[in-house]
N, C-alpha and C. Protein backbone atom coordinates (compact mmCIF):
# COMPACT_ATOMS: atom_id res chain seq x y z
N MET A 1 190.08 78.16 191.74
CA MET A 1 189.98 77.33 190.54
C MET A 1 188.55 77.43 190.00
N HIS A 2 188.43 77.62 188.73
CA HIS A 2 187.13 77.70 188.07
C HIS A 2 186.46 76.34 188.13
N PRO A 3 185.13 76.26 188.41
CA PRO A 3 184.44 74.98 188.54
C PRO A 3 184.66 74.02 187.37
N SER A 4 184.76 74.55 186.15
CA SER A 4 184.94 73.66 185.00
C SER A 4 186.33 73.06 184.96
N ASN A 5 187.28 73.63 185.74
CA ASN A 5 188.64 73.12 185.77
C ASN A 5 188.87 72.14 186.92
N GLN A 6 187.87 71.91 187.74
CA GLN A 6 188.03 71.02 188.88
C GLN A 6 188.05 69.57 188.42
N LEU A 7 188.90 68.79 189.07
CA LEU A 7 188.96 67.36 188.78
C LEU A 7 187.78 66.67 189.43
N GLU A 8 187.20 65.73 188.72
CA GLU A 8 186.11 64.95 189.30
C GLU A 8 186.69 63.61 189.73
N ILE A 9 186.55 63.30 191.00
CA ILE A 9 187.06 62.06 191.58
C ILE A 9 185.89 61.13 191.81
N VAL A 10 186.08 59.84 191.49
CA VAL A 10 185.03 58.85 191.71
C VAL A 10 185.58 57.65 192.45
N GLY A 11 184.70 57.03 193.23
CA GLY A 11 185.03 55.81 193.94
C GLY A 11 184.15 54.67 193.42
N VAL A 12 184.12 53.61 194.15
CA VAL A 12 183.38 52.41 193.74
C VAL A 12 181.91 52.71 193.49
N ALA A 13 181.27 53.43 194.38
CA ALA A 13 179.83 53.71 194.22
C ALA A 13 179.55 54.52 192.96
N GLU A 14 180.38 55.52 192.70
CA GLU A 14 180.18 56.35 191.51
C GLU A 14 180.47 55.57 190.23
N ILE A 15 181.48 54.71 190.27
CA ILE A 15 181.78 53.88 189.10
C ILE A 15 180.61 52.95 188.82
N ALA A 16 180.05 52.36 189.86
CA ALA A 16 178.89 51.48 189.70
C ALA A 16 177.74 52.24 189.05
N GLU A 17 177.54 53.47 189.45
CA GLU A 17 176.48 54.29 188.87
C GLU A 17 176.76 54.58 187.39
N ILE A 18 178.00 54.94 187.08
CA ILE A 18 178.38 55.22 185.69
C ILE A 18 178.15 54.01 184.80
N LEU A 19 178.56 52.82 185.29
CA LEU A 19 178.47 51.60 184.50
C LEU A 19 177.11 50.91 184.61
N ALA A 20 176.26 51.40 185.51
CA ALA A 20 174.94 50.81 185.76
C ALA A 20 175.06 49.35 186.18
N ILE A 21 175.96 49.11 187.14
CA ILE A 21 176.16 47.76 187.69
C ILE A 21 176.23 47.87 189.21
N PRO A 22 176.05 46.74 189.92
CA PRO A 22 176.15 46.77 191.39
C PRO A 22 177.57 47.08 191.86
N THR A 23 177.68 47.68 193.03
CA THR A 23 178.99 48.02 193.58
C THR A 23 179.88 46.79 193.78
N ASN A 24 179.27 45.64 194.11
CA ASN A 24 180.10 44.45 194.30
C ASN A 24 180.74 44.00 193.00
N HIS A 25 180.12 44.30 191.86
CA HIS A 25 180.72 43.99 190.56
C HIS A 25 181.95 44.87 190.33
N VAL A 26 181.84 46.13 190.71
CA VAL A 26 183.00 47.02 190.58
C VAL A 26 184.13 46.52 191.47
N SER A 27 183.82 46.15 192.69
CA SER A 27 184.84 45.61 193.59
C SER A 27 185.50 44.37 193.01
N MET A 28 184.71 43.51 192.38
CA MET A 28 185.25 42.31 191.74
C MET A 28 186.17 42.69 190.58
N MET A 29 185.77 43.69 189.80
CA MET A 29 186.60 44.15 188.68
C MET A 29 187.94 44.69 189.19
N ILE A 30 187.90 45.38 190.32
CA ILE A 30 189.13 45.92 190.91
C ILE A 30 190.04 44.78 191.35
N SER A 31 189.48 43.79 192.03
CA SER A 31 190.31 42.67 192.50
C SER A 31 190.85 41.83 191.35
N ARG A 32 190.11 41.78 190.24
CA ARG A 32 190.57 41.02 189.07
C ARG A 32 191.43 41.87 188.14
N MET A 33 191.60 43.14 188.49
CA MET A 33 192.38 44.09 187.71
C MET A 33 191.88 44.23 186.28
N THR A 34 190.55 44.26 186.13
CA THR A 34 189.95 44.46 184.81
C THR A 34 189.42 45.88 184.65
N ILE A 35 189.79 46.73 185.57
CA ILE A 35 189.43 48.14 185.55
C ILE A 35 190.76 48.89 185.67
N PRO A 36 190.85 50.11 185.17
CA PRO A 36 192.13 50.81 185.28
C PRO A 36 192.63 50.92 186.72
N GLU A 37 193.94 50.96 186.84
CA GLU A 37 194.54 51.14 188.16
C GLU A 37 194.07 52.48 188.72
N ALA A 38 193.84 52.54 190.01
CA ALA A 38 193.36 53.76 190.65
C ALA A 38 194.36 54.90 190.41
N ASP A 39 193.81 56.09 190.20
CA ASP A 39 194.67 57.26 190.03
C ASP A 39 195.27 57.71 191.36
N PHE A 40 194.53 57.47 192.44
CA PHE A 40 195.00 57.85 193.77
C PHE A 40 194.58 56.78 194.77
N VAL A 41 195.41 56.59 195.78
CA VAL A 41 195.07 55.71 196.90
C VAL A 41 195.17 56.56 198.15
N ILE A 42 194.07 56.62 198.89
CA ILE A 42 194.01 57.47 200.08
C ILE A 42 193.65 56.63 201.30
N ASN A 43 193.50 57.28 202.44
CA ASN A 43 193.08 56.62 203.67
C ASN A 43 194.05 55.51 204.04
N ALA A 44 195.34 55.87 204.07
CA ALA A 44 196.41 54.93 204.44
C ALA A 44 196.40 53.69 203.55
N GLY A 45 196.09 53.89 202.27
CA GLY A 45 196.13 52.79 201.31
C GLY A 45 194.90 51.93 201.25
N ARG A 46 193.85 52.30 201.97
CA ARG A 46 192.64 51.48 202.00
C ARG A 46 191.57 51.88 201.00
N THR A 47 191.68 53.09 200.44
CA THR A 47 190.64 53.59 199.56
C THR A 47 191.23 54.00 198.22
N LYS A 48 190.68 53.41 197.15
CA LYS A 48 191.12 53.74 195.80
C LYS A 48 190.12 54.69 195.18
N VAL A 49 190.64 55.70 194.48
CA VAL A 49 189.78 56.64 193.77
C VAL A 49 190.38 56.90 192.39
N TRP A 50 189.51 57.27 191.47
CA TRP A 50 189.89 57.48 190.08
C TRP A 50 189.43 58.86 189.65
N LEU A 51 190.11 59.39 188.66
CA LEU A 51 189.59 60.56 187.98
C LEU A 51 188.41 60.07 187.15
N LYS A 52 187.34 60.83 187.13
CA LYS A 52 186.18 60.42 186.36
C LYS A 52 186.57 60.24 184.89
N SER A 53 187.46 61.07 184.41
CA SER A 53 187.89 60.97 183.01
C SER A 53 188.59 59.65 182.74
N THR A 54 189.32 59.11 183.71
CA THR A 54 189.97 57.81 183.54
C THR A 54 188.93 56.73 183.32
N ILE A 55 187.89 56.74 184.15
CA ILE A 55 186.84 55.72 184.06
C ILE A 55 186.03 55.91 182.79
N MET A 56 185.68 57.15 182.46
CA MET A 56 184.89 57.39 181.25
C MET A 56 185.66 56.97 180.00
N ASP A 57 186.93 57.33 179.91
CA ASP A 57 187.74 56.94 178.75
C ASP A 57 187.80 55.42 178.62
N TRP A 58 188.06 54.76 179.74
CA TRP A 58 188.13 53.30 179.76
C TRP A 58 186.78 52.68 179.36
N ALA A 59 185.70 53.18 179.95
CA ALA A 59 184.37 52.63 179.69
C ALA A 59 183.97 52.80 178.22
N ILE A 60 184.28 53.95 177.65
CA ILE A 60 183.95 54.20 176.25
C ILE A 60 184.78 53.31 175.34
N ASN A 61 186.08 53.23 175.62
CA ASN A 61 186.98 52.47 174.75
C ASN A 61 186.83 50.96 174.87
N THR A 62 186.22 50.49 175.95
CA THR A 62 186.05 49.04 176.12
C THR A 62 184.61 48.60 175.93
N GLY A 63 183.71 49.56 175.68
CA GLY A 63 182.30 49.21 175.51
C GLY A 63 181.59 48.92 176.82
N LYS A 64 182.16 49.33 177.94
CA LYS A 64 181.54 49.09 179.25
C LYS A 64 180.47 50.11 179.59
N LEU A 65 180.49 51.25 178.91
CA LEU A 65 179.49 52.28 179.18
C LEU A 65 178.14 51.78 178.67
N PRO A 66 177.07 51.91 179.45
CA PRO A 66 175.76 51.46 178.99
C PRO A 66 175.40 52.06 177.63
N ILE A 67 174.72 51.30 176.81
CA ILE A 67 174.41 51.71 175.43
C ILE A 67 173.68 53.04 175.37
N GLU A 68 172.78 53.30 176.32
CA GLU A 68 172.05 54.56 176.32
C GLU A 68 173.02 55.73 176.45
N ASP A 69 174.04 55.56 177.30
CA ASP A 69 175.03 56.61 177.48
C ASP A 69 175.94 56.73 176.26
N MET A 70 176.27 55.60 175.64
CA MET A 70 177.12 55.63 174.44
C MET A 70 176.41 56.43 173.35
N LEU A 71 175.10 56.27 173.24
CA LEU A 71 174.35 56.99 172.21
C LEU A 71 174.28 58.49 172.48
N ASN A 72 174.43 58.87 173.76
CA ASN A 72 174.37 60.28 174.14
C ASN A 72 175.74 60.91 174.35
N PHE A 73 176.80 60.19 174.00
CA PHE A 73 178.15 60.70 174.22
C PHE A 73 178.54 61.65 173.10
N ASP A 74 178.95 62.85 173.47
CA ASP A 74 179.40 63.85 172.50
C ASP A 74 180.91 63.73 172.36
N ILE A 75 181.35 63.17 171.25
CA ILE A 75 182.77 62.92 171.04
C ILE A 75 183.56 64.21 171.02
N LYS A 76 183.04 65.25 170.41
CA LYS A 76 183.76 66.51 170.32
C LYS A 76 184.04 67.13 171.68
N ARG A 77 183.04 67.07 172.56
CA ARG A 77 183.21 67.65 173.90
C ARG A 77 183.78 66.66 174.90
N GLY A 78 183.75 65.38 174.55
CA GLY A 78 184.27 64.36 175.45
C GLY A 78 183.42 64.17 176.68
N GLN A 79 182.10 64.33 176.54
CA GLN A 79 181.21 64.13 177.69
C GLN A 79 179.82 63.72 177.25
N LEU A 80 179.06 63.25 178.22
CA LEU A 80 177.69 62.84 177.95
C LEU A 80 176.81 64.06 177.80
N ASP A 81 175.89 64.00 176.83
CA ASP A 81 174.86 65.02 176.72
C ASP A 81 173.74 64.63 177.66
N LYS A 82 173.33 65.52 178.50
CA LYS A 82 172.27 65.21 179.46
C LYS A 82 171.04 66.00 179.12
């Protein structure tokens, strides 16, 4: 598989980094169901993971993405300019 075609999977720590919030806030959002349902559940149902695109789409559409990242988001490419 070509690297650009690989799926990017994120967990709580990566979501916290994307949203620039503490990991315990992400955990709270999961328990309150204010974040999208996990794309996959692994580790005998104990670990939830998401496609990065799921989280990015949700964060952009709900205004959860930090403003600095929103300003650097390339709509045409569907990704952040770094």
